[in-house]
């Protein structure tokens, strides 16, 4: 079933909170609040993308306002149907803007969002304002919009619920975080990702690598399964490992240049780091924990050549490279240093 994927803008298949997969603690927290009629005025859903945060927020709005099954939702009544179709006036989803830095502008907060909070709900019992990628829409480095919203969070009106979704809550103002009840969402199990990929028509021989690289995120698994992209990334990573082992300076320089120019640079590096993570695990006799279990023969063969300590060292070196690249270090020079460093 593909229901665990975060909702995209536009109509979506109606769901109940109980339909959200593999997020039991989060769902139980929200269901308990509904039963007690004690929803928080603001929630902060924290966790990876593609694990059901947005669909949970919409299902929560339906459950609170459903005409047929109040507190649960029914999928089919007038309220639930309009909420899932994105046409209910009291349930609004505010995605990051498409241009610039994607943050919401303070003028938009003042002209569109604050008037809504002053007059809603119009039809329902409770109005919901849902912010997917809240750390992108309201980041600390563009605090004007977040500060404009803050007064409403500090002095909420009855009948208004904010739901902020975030992968990186540390990028939100501390004042926003402190005024929201945090609900944690975790990565999805590999079996669930495999199920989602099957429903999305991904051939069996492409599912394993995509699920391994997805890190528990259904949206990423589906993306990586397109055109066998996950397998291409793994092939790229294995080519880098072979070149590092061969210790040929010319080949290492060429690969560093090619990788620096690649649009998949970070994904290739992440794939390589996960490969070394598996090699270290295999060298320590923990084959049951392999991410690339379907390639266990190759990984165990590599573990007989590379010690657990060396594999772990290469994993750490790649993480340090990510830090350097995040600080806008020259990509080709940084990758040169990584590949030559690992080849020593």
C-alpha atoms as a PDB file:
ATOM      1  CA  UNK A   1       0.000   0.000   0.000  1.00  0.00           C
ATOM      2  CA  UNK A   2       1.282   3.449  -0.870  1.00  0.00           C
ATOM      3  CA  UNK A   3      -0.705   5.386   1.713  1.00  0.00           C
ATOM      4  CA  UNK A   4       2.325   6.141   3.861  1.00  0.00           C
ATOM      5  CA  UNK A   5       3.746   8.598   1.341  1.00  0.00           C
ATOM      6  CA  UNK A   6       3.403  12.249   2.335  1.00  0.00           C
ATOM      7  CA  UNK A   7       0.540  13.982   0.534  1.00  0.00           C
ATOM      8  CA  UNK A   8       1.395  16.160  -2.440  1.00  0.00           C
ATOM      9  CA  UNK A   9      -0.533  19.321  -3.332  1.00  0.00           C
ATOM     10  CA  UNK A  10      -3.963  18.557  -4.748  1.00  0.00           C
ATOM     11  CA  UNK A  11      -6.468  15.741  -4.286  1.00  0.00           C
ATOM     12  CA  UNK A  12      -5.376  12.653  -2.385  1.00  0.00           C
ATOM     13  CA  UNK A  13      -6.933   9.335  -1.455  1.00  0.00           C
ATOM     14  CA  UNK A  14      -9.018   9.835   1.739  1.00  0.00           C
ATOM     15  CA  UNK A  15      -7.544   8.167   4.808  1.00  0.00           C
ATOM     16  CA  UNK A  16      -8.176   7.776   8.517  1.00  0.00           C
ATOM     17  CA  UNK A  17      -5.525   8.209  11.180  1.00  0.00           C
ATOM     18  CA  UNK A  18      -5.630   4.439  11.628  1.00  0.00           C
ATOM     19  CA  UNK A  19      -4.618   4.038   7.956  1.00  0.00           C
ATOM     20  CA  UNK A  20      -1.241   5.718   8.528  1.00  0.00           C
ATOM     21  CA  UNK A  21       1.353   2.973   8.552  1.00  0.00           C
ATOM     22  CA  UNK A  22       4.193   2.340  10.996  1.00  0.00           C
ATOM     23  CA  UNK A  23       3.761   5.528  13.044  1.00  0.00           C
ATOM     24  CA  UNK A  24       1.976   4.012  16.044  1.00  0.00           C
ATOM     25  CA  UNK A  25       3.255   6.356  18.829  1.00  0.00           C
ATOM     26  CA  UNK A  26       2.410   9.478  16.822  1.00  0.00           C
ATOM     27  CA  UNK A  27      -1.053   8.246  15.849  1.00  0.00           C
ATOM     28  CA  UNK A  28      -1.878   7.090  19.369  1.00  0.00           C
ATOM     29  CA  UNK A  29      -0.916  10.523  20.742  1.00  0.00           C
ATOM     30  CA  UNK A  30      -3.267  12.270  18.335  1.00  0.00           C
ATOM     31  CA  UNK A  31      -6.093   9.782  18.806  1.00  0.00           C
ATOM     32  CA  UNK A  32      -5.883  10.205  22.594  1.00  0.00           C
ATOM     33  CA  UNK A  33      -6.143  13.988  22.197  1.00  0.00           C
ATOM     34  CA  UNK A  34      -9.217  13.568  19.990  1.00  0.00           C
ATOM     35  CA  UNK A  35     -10.915  11.225  22.467  1.00  0.00           C
ATOM     36  CA  UNK A  36     -10.269  13.682  25.313  1.00  0.00           C
ATOM     37  CA  UNK A  37     -11.253  16.656  23.099  1.00  0.00           C
ATOM     38  CA  UNK A  38      -7.950  18.261  24.014  1.00  0.00           C
ATOM     39  CA  UNK A  39      -6.132  18.947  20.776  1.00  0.00           C
ATOM     40  CA  UNK A  40      -3.163  21.251  21.156  1.00  0.00           C
ATOM     41  CA  UNK A  41      -3.440  24.638  19.454  1.00  0.00           C
ATOM     42  CA  UNK A  42      -0.159  23.875  17.649  1.00  0.00           C
ATOM     43  CA  UNK A  43       1.663  20.682  16.702  1.00  0.00           C
ATOM     44  CA  UNK A  44       5.157  20.188  15.356  1.00  0.00           C
ATOM     45  CA  UNK A  45       5.368  16.909  13.427  1.00  0.00           C
ATOM     46  CA  UNK A  46       9.070  16.024  13.314  1.00  0.00           C
ATOM     47  CA  UNK A  47      10.591  13.331  11.119  1.00  0.00           C
ATOM     48  CA  UNK A  48      11.853  12.455   7.636  1.00  0.00           C
ATOM     49  CA  UNK A  49       9.896  13.328   4.522  1.00  0.00           C
ATOM     50  CA  UNK A  50       7.849  10.587   2.922  1.00  0.00           C
ATOM     51  CA  UNK A  51       6.733   8.898   6.148  1.00  0.00           C
ATOM     52  CA  UNK A  52       3.150  10.185   6.371  1.00  0.00           C
ATOM     53  CA  UNK A  53       3.363  13.493   8.251  1.00  0.00           C
ATOM     54  CA  UNK A  54       1.232  15.514   5.837  1.00  0.00           C
ATOM     55  CA  UNK A  55      -1.384  12.826   5.406  1.00  0.00           C
ATOM     56  CA  UNK A  56      -1.557  12.499   9.176  1.00  0.00           C
ATOM     57  CA  UNK A  57      -2.205  16.240   9.494  1.00  0.00           C
ATOM     58  CA  UNK A  58      -5.027  16.080   6.948  1.00  0.00           C
ATOM     59  CA  UNK A  59      -6.506  12.946   8.534  1.00  0.00           C
ATOM     60  CA  UNK A  60      -6.406  14.740  11.904  1.00  0.00           C
ATOM     61  CA  UNK A  61      -8.391  17.655  10.451  1.00  0.00           C
ATOM     62  CA  UNK A  62     -10.954  15.209   9.063  1.00  0.00           C
ATOM     63  CA  UNK A  63     -11.226  13.310  12.336  1.00  0.00           C
ATOM     64  CA  UNK A  64     -11.878  16.494  14.313  1.00  0.00           C
ATOM     65  CA  UNK A  65     -14.487  17.831  11.896  1.00  0.00           C
ATOM     66  CA  UNK A  66     -16.150  14.708  10.483  1.00  0.00           C
ATOM     67  CA  UNK A  67     -19.962  14.833  10.420  1.00  0.00           C
ATOM     68  CA  UNK A  68     -20.477  11.065  10.429  1.00  0.00           C
ATOM     69  CA  UNK A  69     -17.802   9.794  12.831  1.00  0.00           C
ATOM     70  CA  UNK A  70     -16.544  12.709  14.957  1.00  0.00           C
ATOM     71  CA  UNK A  71     -13.097  12.064  16.402  1.00  0.00           C
ATOM     72  CA  UNK A  72     -12.393   9.311  13.877  1.00  0.00           C
ATOM     73  CA  UNK A  73     -13.320  10.414  10.367  1.00  0.00           C
ATOM     74  CA  UNK A  74     -15.233   8.521   7.685  1.00  0.00           C
ATOM     75  CA  UNK A  75     -13.512   9.300   4.354  1.00  0.00           C
ATOM     76  CA  UNK A  76     -16.853   9.893   2.570  1.00  0.00           C
ATOM     77  CA  UNK A  77     -18.917  12.611   4.267  1.00  0.00           C
ATOM     78  CA  UNK A  78     -19.106  16.117   2.834  1.00  0.00           C
ATOM     79  CA  UNK A  79     -16.431  17.436   5.199  1.00  0.00           C
ATOM     80  CA  UNK A  80     -13.939  14.585   4.738  1.00  0.00           C
ATOM     81  CA  UNK A  81     -14.347  14.559   0.959  1.00  0.00           C
ATOM     82  CA  UNK A  82     -13.751  18.309   0.678  1.00  0.00           C
ATOM     83  CA  UNK A  83     -10.753  18.250   3.022  1.00  0.00           C
ATOM     84  CA  UNK A  84      -9.024  15.522   1.008  1.00  0.00           C
ATOM     85  CA  UNK A  85      -9.915  17.297  -2.232  1.00  0.00           C
ATOM     86  CA  UNK A  86      -8.211  20.432  -0.895  1.00  0.00           C
ATOM     87  CA  UNK A  87     -11.412  22.487  -1.190  1.00  0.00           C
ATOM     88  CA  UNK A  88     -12.584  22.898   2.416  1.00  0.00           C
ATOM     89  CA  UNK A  89     -12.375  26.561   3.500  1.00  0.00           C
ATOM     90  CA  UNK A  90     -11.291  25.667   7.035  1.00  0.00           C
ATOM     91  CA  UNK A  91      -8.386  23.342   6.209  1.00  0.00           C
ATOM     92  CA  UNK A  92      -5.563  25.143   4.426  1.00  0.00           C
ATOM     93  CA  UNK A  93      -2.185  23.763   3.420  1.00  0.00           C
ATOM     94  CA  UNK A  94       0.593  26.323   3.008  1.00  0.00           C
ATOM     95  CA  UNK A  95       3.472  24.869   0.989  1.00  0.00           C
ATOM     96  CA  UNK A  96       6.775  26.720   0.548  1.00  0.00           C
ATOM     97  CA  UNK A  97       6.680  29.186  -2.320  1.00  0.00           C
ATOM     98  CA  UNK A  98       8.169  27.906  -5.550  1.00  0.00           C
ATOM     99  CA  UNK A  99      10.644  30.689  -6.260  1.00  0.00           C
ATOM    100  CA  UNK A 100      13.621  32.297  -4.536  1.00  0.00           C
ATOM    101  CA  UNK A 101      14.587  30.751  -1.199  1.00  0.00           C
ATOM    102  CA  UNK A 102      11.119  29.139  -0.969  1.00  0.00           C
ATOM    103  CA  UNK A 103      10.417  30.848   2.362  1.00  0.00           C
ATOM    104  CA  UNK A 104       7.014  32.461   2.822  1.00  0.00           C
ATOM    105  CA  UNK A 105       7.195  36.238   2.635  1.00  0.00           C
ATOM    106  CA  UNK A 106       6.057  38.328   5.581  1.00  0.00           C
ATOM    107  CA  UNK A 107       3.537  40.101   3.333  1.00  0.00           C
ATOM    108  CA  UNK A 108       1.919  36.743   2.537  1.00  0.00           C
ATOM    109  CA  UNK A 109       1.669  35.908   6.243  1.00  0.00           C
ATOM    110  CA  UNK A 110       0.032  39.255   6.983  1.00  0.00           C
ATOM    111  CA  UNK A 111      -2.308  39.319   3.979  1.00  0.00           C
ATOM    112  CA  UNK A 112      -3.294  35.645   3.632  1.00  0.00           C
ATOM    113  CA  UNK A 113      -2.620  33.689   6.806  1.00  0.00           C
ATOM    114  CA  UNK A 114      -3.276  36.110   9.674  1.00  0.00           C
ATOM    115  CA  UNK A 115      -6.719  37.175   8.354  1.00  0.00           C
ATOM    116  CA  UNK A 116      -7.629  33.487   8.115  1.00  0.00           C
ATOM    117  CA  UNK A 117      -6.664  32.937  11.769  1.00  0.00           C
ATOM    118  CA  UNK A 118      -8.768  35.951  12.809  1.00  0.00           C
ATOM    119  CA  UNK A 119     -12.027  34.784  11.180  1.00  0.00           C
ATOM    120  CA  UNK A 120     -11.889  30.982  10.760  1.00  0.00           C
ATOM    121  CA  UNK A 121     -13.508  28.557  11.245  1.00  0.00           C
ATOM    122  CA  UNK A 122     -16.154  29.396   8.693  1.00  0.00           C
ATOM    123  CA  UNK A 123     -17.987  26.056   8.475  1.00  0.00           C
ATOM    124  CA  UNK A 124     -16.150  23.435  10.501  1.00  0.00           C
ATOM    125  CA  UNK A 125     -15.744  23.044  14.255  1.00  0.00           C
ATOM    126  CA  UNK A 126     -11.998  23.633  14.092  1.00  0.00           C
ATOM    127  CA  UNK A 127      -9.848  25.239  11.394  1.00  0.00           C
ATOM    128  CA  UNK A 128      -6.460  23.746  10.541  1.00  0.00           C
ATOM    129  CA  UNK A 129      -3.415  25.500   9.107  1.00  0.00           C
ATOM    130  CA  UNK A 130      -0.912  22.930   7.823  1.00  0.00           C
ATOM    131  CA  UNK A 131       2.656  23.882   6.894  1.00  0.00           C
ATOM    132  CA  UNK A 132       4.540  21.122   5.035  1.00  0.00           C
ATOM    133  CA  UNK A 133       8.303  21.793   5.193  1.00  0.00           C
ATOM    134  CA  UNK A 134       7.820  24.449   7.854  1.00  0.00           C
ATOM    135  CA  UNK A 135      11.597  24.792   8.243  1.00  0.00           C
ATOM    136  CA  UNK A 136      11.706  25.863   4.566  1.00  0.00           C
ATOM    137  CA  UNK A 137       8.673  28.171   4.752  1.00  0.00           C
ATOM    138  CA  UNK A 138       9.594  29.765   8.092  1.00  0.00           C
ATOM    139  CA  UNK A 139      13.383  29.418   8.509  1.00  0.00           C
ATOM    140  CA  UNK A 140      15.402  31.230  11.152  1.00  0.00           C
ATOM    141  CA  UNK A 141      17.478  33.044   8.516  1.00  0.00           C
ATOM    142  CA  UNK A 142      14.268  34.730   7.258  1.00  0.00           C
ATOM    143  CA  UNK A 143      12.647  35.305  10.621  1.00  0.00           C
ATOM    144  CA  UNK A 144      10.308  38.148   9.645  1.00  0.00           C
ATOM    145  CA  UNK A 145       7.533  35.818   8.478  1.00  0.00           C
ATOM    146  CA  UNK A 146       7.943  33.489  11.448  1.00  0.00           C
ATOM    147  CA  UNK A 147       7.792  36.419  13.854  1.00  0.00           C
ATOM    148  CA  UNK A 148       4.647  37.691  12.155  1.00  0.00           C
ATOM    149  CA  UNK A 149       3.030  34.325  12.842  1.00  0.00           C
ATOM    150  CA  UNK A 150       4.360  34.056  16.373  1.00  0.00           C
ATOM    151  CA  UNK A 151       1.766  36.237  18.102  1.00  0.00           C
ATOM    152  CA  UNK A 152      -1.010  33.966  16.862  1.00  0.00           C
ATOM    153  CA  UNK A 153       0.861  30.966  18.233  1.00  0.00           C
ATOM    154  CA  UNK A 154       1.434  32.723  21.558  1.00  0.00           C
ATOM    155  CA  UNK A 155      -2.195  33.844  21.931  1.00  0.00           C
ATOM    156  CA  UNK A 156      -4.208  31.294  19.966  1.00  0.00           C
ATOM    157  CA  UNK A 157      -7.913  31.736  19.293  1.00  0.00           C
ATOM    158  CA  UNK A 158     -10.275  28.886  20.075  1.00  0.00           C
ATOM    159  CA  UNK A 159     -11.052  26.775  17.029  1.00  0.00           C
ATOM    160  CA  UNK A 160      -7.645  27.164  15.359  1.00  0.00           C
ATOM    161  CA  UNK A 161      -4.996  24.421  15.135  1.00  0.00           C
ATOM    162  CA  UNK A 162      -1.562  24.866  13.561  1.00  0.00           C
ATOM    163  CA  UNK A 163       0.293  21.795  12.286  1.00  0.00           C
ATOM    164  CA  UNK A 164       3.918  22.397  11.290  1.00  0.00           C
ATOM    165  CA  UNK A 165       5.814  19.585   9.566  1.00  0.00           C
ATOM    166  CA  UNK A 166       9.595  19.554   9.678  1.00  0.00           C
ATOM    167  CA  UNK A 167      12.580  17.381   8.887  1.00  0.00           C
ATOM    168  CA  UNK A 168      14.920  19.891  10.556  1.00  0.00           C
ATOM    169  CA  UNK A 169      13.149  21.548  13.491  1.00  0.00           C
ATOM    170  CA  UNK A 170      16.405  23.207  14.576  1.00  0.00           C
ATOM    171  CA  UNK A 171      15.931  25.536  11.583  1.00  0.00           C
ATOM    172  CA  UNK A 172      12.736  26.912  13.124  1.00  0.00           C
ATOM    173  CA  UNK A 173      12.730  29.699  15.695  1.00  0.00           C
ATOM    174  CA  UNK A 174      13.046  28.335  19.220  1.00  0.00           C
ATOM    175  CA  UNK A 175       9.962  30.341  20.169  1.00  0.00           C
ATOM    176  CA  UNK A 176       7.910  28.492  17.552  1.00  0.00           C
ATOM    177  CA  UNK A 177       9.257  25.126  18.686  1.00  0.00           C
ATOM    178  CA  UNK A 178       8.496  25.870  22.331  1.00  0.00           C
ATOM    179  CA  UNK A 179       4.874  26.804  21.597  1.00  0.00           C
ATOM    180  CA  UNK A 180       4.120  23.624  19.640  1.00  0.00           C
ATOM    181  CA  UNK A 181       3.547  20.101  20.896  1.00  0.00           C
ATOM    182  CA  UNK A 182       6.145  17.883  19.271  1.00  0.00           C
ATOM    183  CA  UNK A 183       5.022  14.611  17.699  1.00  0.00           C
ATOM    184  CA  UNK A 184       7.757  12.374  16.342  1.00  0.00           C
ATOM    185  CA  UNK A 185       7.554  10.338  13.135  1.00  0.00           C
ATOM    186  CA  UNK A 186      10.135   7.681  12.343  1.00  0.00           C
ATOM    187  CA  UNK A 187      11.577   6.135   9.176  1.00  0.00           C
ATOM    188  CA  UNK A 188       9.475   3.437   7.555  1.00  0.00           C
ATOM    189  CA  UNK A 189      10.590  -0.213   7.762  1.00  0.00           C
ATOM    190  CA  UNK A 190      12.175  -1.784   4.699  1.00  0.00           C
ATOM    191  CA  UNK A 191       9.206  -4.146   4.312  1.00  0.00           C
ATOM    192  CA  UNK A 192       6.818  -1.195   4.109  1.00  0.00           C
ATOM    193  CA  UNK A 193       9.006   0.527   1.516  1.00  0.00           C
ATOM    194  CA  UNK A 194       9.114  -2.659  -0.543  1.00  0.00           C
ATOM    195  CA  UNK A 195       5.313  -2.844  -0.362  1.00  0.00           C
ATOM    196  CA  UNK A 196       4.975   0.789  -1.468  1.00  0.00           C
ATOM    197  CA  UNK A 197       7.383   0.229  -4.360  1.00  0.00           C
ATOM    198  CA  UNK A 198       5.439  -2.837  -5.462  1.00  0.00           C
ATOM    199  CA  UNK A 199       2.170  -0.878  -5.459  1.00  0.00           C
ATOM    200  CA  UNK A 200       3.899   1.809  -7.523  1.00  0.00           C
ATOM    201  CA  UNK A 201       4.822  -0.772 -10.145  1.00  0.00           C
ATOM    202  CA  UNK A 202       8.546  -1.072  -9.422  1.00  0.00           C
ATOM    203  CA  UNK A 203       9.970  -4.409 -10.649  1.00  0.00           C
ATOM    204  CA  UNK A 204      11.125  -6.784  -7.924  1.00  0.00           C
ATOM    205  CA  UNK A 205      14.795  -6.642  -8.959  1.00  0.00           C
ATOM    206  CA  UNK A 206      14.855  -2.844  -8.480  1.00  0.00           C
ATOM    207  CA  UNK A 207      13.107  -2.635  -5.110  1.00  0.00           C
ATOM    208  CA  UNK A 208      15.889  -3.810  -2.801  1.00  0.00           C
ATOM    209  CA  UNK A 209      18.494  -1.207  -3.718  1.00  0.00           C
ATOM    210  CA  UNK A 210      15.929   1.613  -3.800  1.00  0.00           C
ATOM    211  CA  UNK A 211      14.609   0.597  -0.364  1.00  0.00           C
ATOM    212  CA  UNK A 212      18.145   0.377   1.027  1.00  0.00           C
ATOM    213  CA  UNK A 213      19.076   3.874  -0.145  1.00  0.00           C
ATOM    214  CA  UNK A 214      15.735   5.432   0.834  1.00  0.00           C
ATOM    215  CA  UNK A 215      16.637   5.551   4.546  1.00  0.00           C
ATOM    216  CA  UNK A 216      13.050   4.880   5.550  1.00  0.00           C
ATOM    217  CA  UNK A 217      11.488   7.496   3.230  1.00  0.00           C
ATOM    218  CA  UNK A 218       8.792   6.392   0.811  1.00  0.00           C
ATOM    219  CA  UNK A 219       9.083   9.468  -1.412  1.00  0.00           C
ATOM    220  CA  UNK A 220      12.788   8.891  -1.817  1.00  0.00           C
ATOM    221  CA  UNK A 221      12.346   5.168  -2.473  1.00  0.00           C
ATOM    222  CA  UNK A 222       9.906   5.903  -5.297  1.00  0.00           C
ATOM    223  CA  UNK A 223      12.220   8.540  -6.784  1.00  0.00           C
ATOM    224  CA  UNK A 224      15.268   6.279  -6.623  1.00  0.00           C
ATOM    225  CA  UNK A 225      13.379   3.418  -8.237  1.00  0.00           C
ATOM    226  CA  UNK A 226      12.710   5.459 -11.385  1.00  0.00           C
ATOM    227  CA  UNK A 227      14.843   4.337 -14.338  1.00  0.00           C
ATOM    228  CA  UNK A 228      16.804   2.048 -11.989  1.00  0.00           C
ATOM    229  CA  UNK A 229      18.458   5.130 -10.488  1.00  0.00           C
ATOM    230  CA  UNK A 230      19.295   3.402  -7.195  1.00  0.00           C
ATOM    231  CA  UNK A 231      21.244   0.676  -8.958  1.00  0.00           C
ATOM    232  CA  UNK A 232      23.152   3.267 -10.989  1.00  0.00           C
ATOM    233  CA  UNK A 233      24.104   5.055  -7.768  1.00  0.00           C
ATOM    234  CA  UNK A 234      25.357   1.823  -6.236  1.00  0.00           C
ATOM    235  CA  UNK A 235      27.357   1.054  -9.390  1.00  0.00           C
ATOM    236  CA  UNK A 236      28.883   4.557  -9.164  1.00  0.00           C
ATOM    237  CA  UNK A 237      29.843   3.957  -5.534  1.00  0.00           C
ATOM    238  CA  UNK A 238      31.406   0.569  -6.297  1.00  0.00           C
ATOM    239  CA  UNK A 239      33.421   2.149  -9.109  1.00  0.00           C
ATOM    240  CA  UNK A 240      34.793   4.713  -6.625  1.00  0.00           C
ATOM    241  CA  UNK A 241      35.689   1.958  -4.163  1.00  0.00           C
ATOM    242  CA  UNK A 242      37.547   0.038  -6.873  1.00  0.00           C
ATOM    243  CA  UNK A 243      39.476   3.159  -7.910  1.00  0.00           C
ATOM    244  CA  UNK A 244      40.431   3.962  -4.319  1.00  0.00           C
ATOM    245  CA  UNK A 245      41.686   0.410  -3.889  1.00  0.00           C
ATOM    246  CA  UNK A 246      43.689   0.542  -7.145  1.00  0.00           C
ATOM    247  CA  UNK A 247      45.480   3.744  -5.986  1.00  0.00           C
ATOM    248  CA  UNK A 248      45.946   5.170  -9.483  1.00  0.00           C
ATOM    249  CA  UNK A 249      46.324   8.974  -9.107  1.00  0.00           C
ATOM    250  CA  UNK A 250      45.148   9.800 -12.624  1.00  0.00           C
ATOM    251  CA  UNK A 251      41.974   7.738 -12.257  1.00  0.00           C
ATOM    252  CA  UNK A 252      41.249   9.280  -8.846  1.00  0.00           C
ATOM    253  CA  UNK A 253      41.613  12.809 -10.222  1.00  0.00           C
ATOM    254  CA  UNK A 254      39.322  12.009 -13.154  1.00  0.00           C
ATOM    255  CA  UNK A 255      36.682  10.489 -10.869  1.00  0.00           C
ATOM    256  CA  UNK A 256      36.822  13.437  -8.459  1.00  0.00           C
ATOM    257  CA  UNK A 257      36.257  15.826 -11.359  1.00  0.00           C
ATOM    258  CA  UNK A 258      33.409  13.714 -12.769  1.00  0.00           C
ATOM    259  CA  UNK A 259      31.742  13.423  -9.368  1.00  0.00           C
ATOM    260  CA  UNK A 260      32.102  17.144  -8.626  1.00  0.00           C
ATOM    261  CA  UNK A 261      30.158  17.927 -11.803  1.00  0.00           C
ATOM    262  CA  UNK A 262      27.490  15.281 -11.245  1.00  0.00           C
ATOM    263  CA  UNK A 263      24.005  16.294 -10.191  1.00  0.00           C
ATOM    264  CA  UNK A 264      23.953  13.118  -8.102  1.00  0.00           C
ATOM    265  CA  UNK A 265      27.153  13.964  -6.223  1.00  0.00           C
ATOM    266  CA  UNK A 266      25.673  13.847  -2.726  1.00  0.00           C
ATOM    267  CA  UNK A 267      23.629  10.729  -3.435  1.00  0.00           C
ATOM    268  CA  UNK A 268      26.704   8.929  -4.756  1.00  0.00           C
ATOM    269  CA  UNK A 269      28.675   9.886  -1.648  1.00  0.00           C
ATOM    270  CA  UNK A 270      25.834   8.799   0.605  1.00  0.00           C
ATOM    271  CA  UNK A 271      25.615   5.478  -1.243  1.00  0.00           C
ATOM    272  CA  UNK A 272      29.361   4.986  -0.859  1.00  0.00           C
ATOM    273  CA  UNK A 273      29.185   5.729   2.861  1.00  0.00           C
ATOM    274  CA  UNK A 274      26.374   3.178   3.305  1.00  0.00           C
ATOM    275  CA  UNK A 275      28.408   0.628   1.361  1.00  0.00           C
ATOM    276  CA  UNK A 276      31.329   1.107   3.765  1.00  0.00           C
ATOM    277  CA  UNK A 277      28.913   0.923   6.684  1.00  0.00           C
ATOM    278  CA  UNK A 278      27.846  -2.505   5.400  1.00  0.00           C
ATOM    279  CA  UNK A 279      31.446  -3.602   4.866  1.00  0.00           C
ATOM    280  CA  UNK A 280      32.277  -2.686   8.475  1.00  0.00           C
ATOM    281  CA  UNK A 281      29.210  -4.571   9.717  1.00  0.00           C
ATOM    282  CA  UNK A 282      30.124  -7.647   7.674  1.00  0.00           C
ATOM    283  CA  UNK A 283      33.723  -7.536   8.916  1.00  0.00           C
ATOM    284  CA  UNK A 284      32.397  -7.581  12.480  1.00  0.00           C
ATOM    285  CA  UNK A 285      30.163 -10.565  11.763  1.00  0.00           C
ATOM    286  CA  UNK A 286      26.900  -8.565  11.713  1.00  0.00           C
ATOM    287  CA  UNK A 287      25.680  -9.639   8.291  1.00  0.00           C
ATOM    288  CA  UNK A 288      22.066  -9.593   9.497  1.00  0.00           C
ATOM    289  CA  UNK A 289      22.220  -5.770   9.727  1.00  0.00           C
ATOM    290  CA  UNK A 290      23.289  -5.153   6.122  1.00  0.00           C
ATOM    291  CA  UNK A 291      21.386  -2.473   4.230  1.00  0.00           C
ATOM    292  CA  UNK A 292      22.385  -4.050   0.932  1.00  0.00           C
ATOM    293  CA  UNK A 293      21.524  -7.566   2.072  1.00  0.00           C
ATOM    294  CA  UNK A 294      20.721  -8.548  -1.515  1.00  0.00           C
ATOM    295  CA  UNK A 295      24.402  -7.887  -2.350  1.00  0.00           C
ATOM    296  CA  UNK A 296      25.739  -9.688   0.733  1.00  0.00           C
ATOM    297  CA  UNK A 297      28.153 -11.911  -1.210  1.00  0.00           C
ATOM    298  CA  UNK A 298      29.974  -8.890  -2.657  1.00  0.00           C
ATOM    299  CA  UNK A 299      29.981  -7.053   0.663  1.00  0.00           C
ATOM    300  CA  UNK A 300      31.309 -10.007   2.622  1.00  0.00           C
ATOM    301  CA  UNK A 301      34.013 -10.520  -0.014  1.00  0.00           C
ATOM    302  CA  UNK A 302      34.986  -6.855   0.373  1.00  0.00           C
ATOM    303  CA  UNK A 303      35.013  -7.247   4.158  1.00  0.00           C
ATOM    304  CA  UNK A 304      37.668  -9.934   3.799  1.00  0.00           C
ATOM    305  CA  UNK A 305      39.889  -7.359   2.085  1.00  0.00           C
ATOM    306  CA  UNK A 306      39.084  -4.263   4.147  1.00  0.00           C
ATOM    307  CA  UNK A 307      39.034  -4.309   7.945  1.00  0.00           C
ATOM    308  CA  UNK A 308      36.099  -3.028   9.960  1.00  0.00           C
ATOM    309  CA  UNK A 309      38.283  -0.170  11.218  1.00  0.00           C
ATOM    310  CA  UNK A 310      39.317   0.895   7.721  1.00  0.00           C
ATOM    311  CA  UNK A 311      35.738   0.726   6.440  1.00  0.00           C
ATOM    312  CA  UNK A 312      34.517   2.758   9.406  1.00  0.00           C
ATOM    313  CA  UNK A 313      37.311   5.275   8.770  1.00  0.00           C
ATOM    314  CA  UNK A 314      36.178   5.701   5.177  1.00  0.00           C
ATOM    315  CA  UNK A 315      32.588   6.152   6.347  1.00  0.00           C
ATOM    316  CA  UNK A 316      33.741   8.907   8.732  1.00  0.00           C
ATOM    317  CA  UNK A 317      35.813  10.569   5.997  1.00  0.00           C
ATOM    318  CA  UNK A 318      32.751  10.816   3.752  1.00  0.00           C
ATOM    319  CA  UNK A 319      30.731  12.395   6.576  1.00  0.00           C
ATOM    320  CA  UNK A 320      33.488  14.985   7.046  1.00  0.00           C
ATOM    321  CA  UNK A 321      33.364  15.645   3.304  1.00  0.00           C
ATOM    322  CA  UNK A 322      29.643  16.399   3.540  1.00  0.00           C
ATOM    323  CA  UNK A 323      30.427  18.934   6.260  1.00  0.00           C
ATOM    324  CA  UNK A 324      33.036  20.621   4.070  1.00  0.00           C
ATOM    325  CA  UNK A 325      30.720  20.722   1.069  1.00  0.00           C
ATOM    326  CA  UNK A 326      27.945  22.205   3.216  1.00  0.00           C
ATOM    327  CA  UNK A 327      30.380  25.003   4.062  1.00  0.00           C
ATOM    328  CA  UNK A 328      30.801  25.707   0.346  1.00  0.00           C
ATOM    329  CA  UNK A 329      34.278  24.247   0.038  1.00  0.00           C
ATOM    330  CA  UNK A 330      35.536  23.780  -3.531  1.00  0.00           C
ATOM    331  CA  UNK A 331      33.864  20.510  -4.567  1.00  0.00           C
ATOM    332  CA  UNK A 332      36.626  19.128  -6.813  1.00  0.00           C
ATOM    333  CA  UNK A 333      39.418  19.901  -4.337  1.00  0.00           C
ATOM    334  CA  UNK A 334      37.377  18.422  -1.483  1.00  0.00           C
ATOM    335  CA  UNK A 335      36.652  15.234  -3.433  1.00  0.00           C
ATOM    336  CA  UNK A 336      40.307  14.962  -4.483  1.00  0.00           C
ATOM    337  CA  UNK A 337      41.234  15.030  -0.798  1.00  0.00           C
ATOM    338  CA  UNK A 338      38.606  12.427   0.051  1.00  0.00           C
ATOM    339  CA  UNK A 339      39.589   9.892  -2.617  1.00  0.00           C
ATOM    340  CA  UNK A 340      43.336  10.261  -2.107  1.00  0.00           C
ATOM    341  CA  UNK A 341      42.853  10.137   1.667  1.00  0.00           C
ATOM    342  CA  UNK A 342      40.885   6.889   1.470  1.00  0.00           C
ATOM    343  CA  UNK A 343      43.462   5.333  -0.886  1.00  0.00           C
ATOM    344  CA  UNK A 344      46.299   5.628   1.629  1.00  0.00           C
END
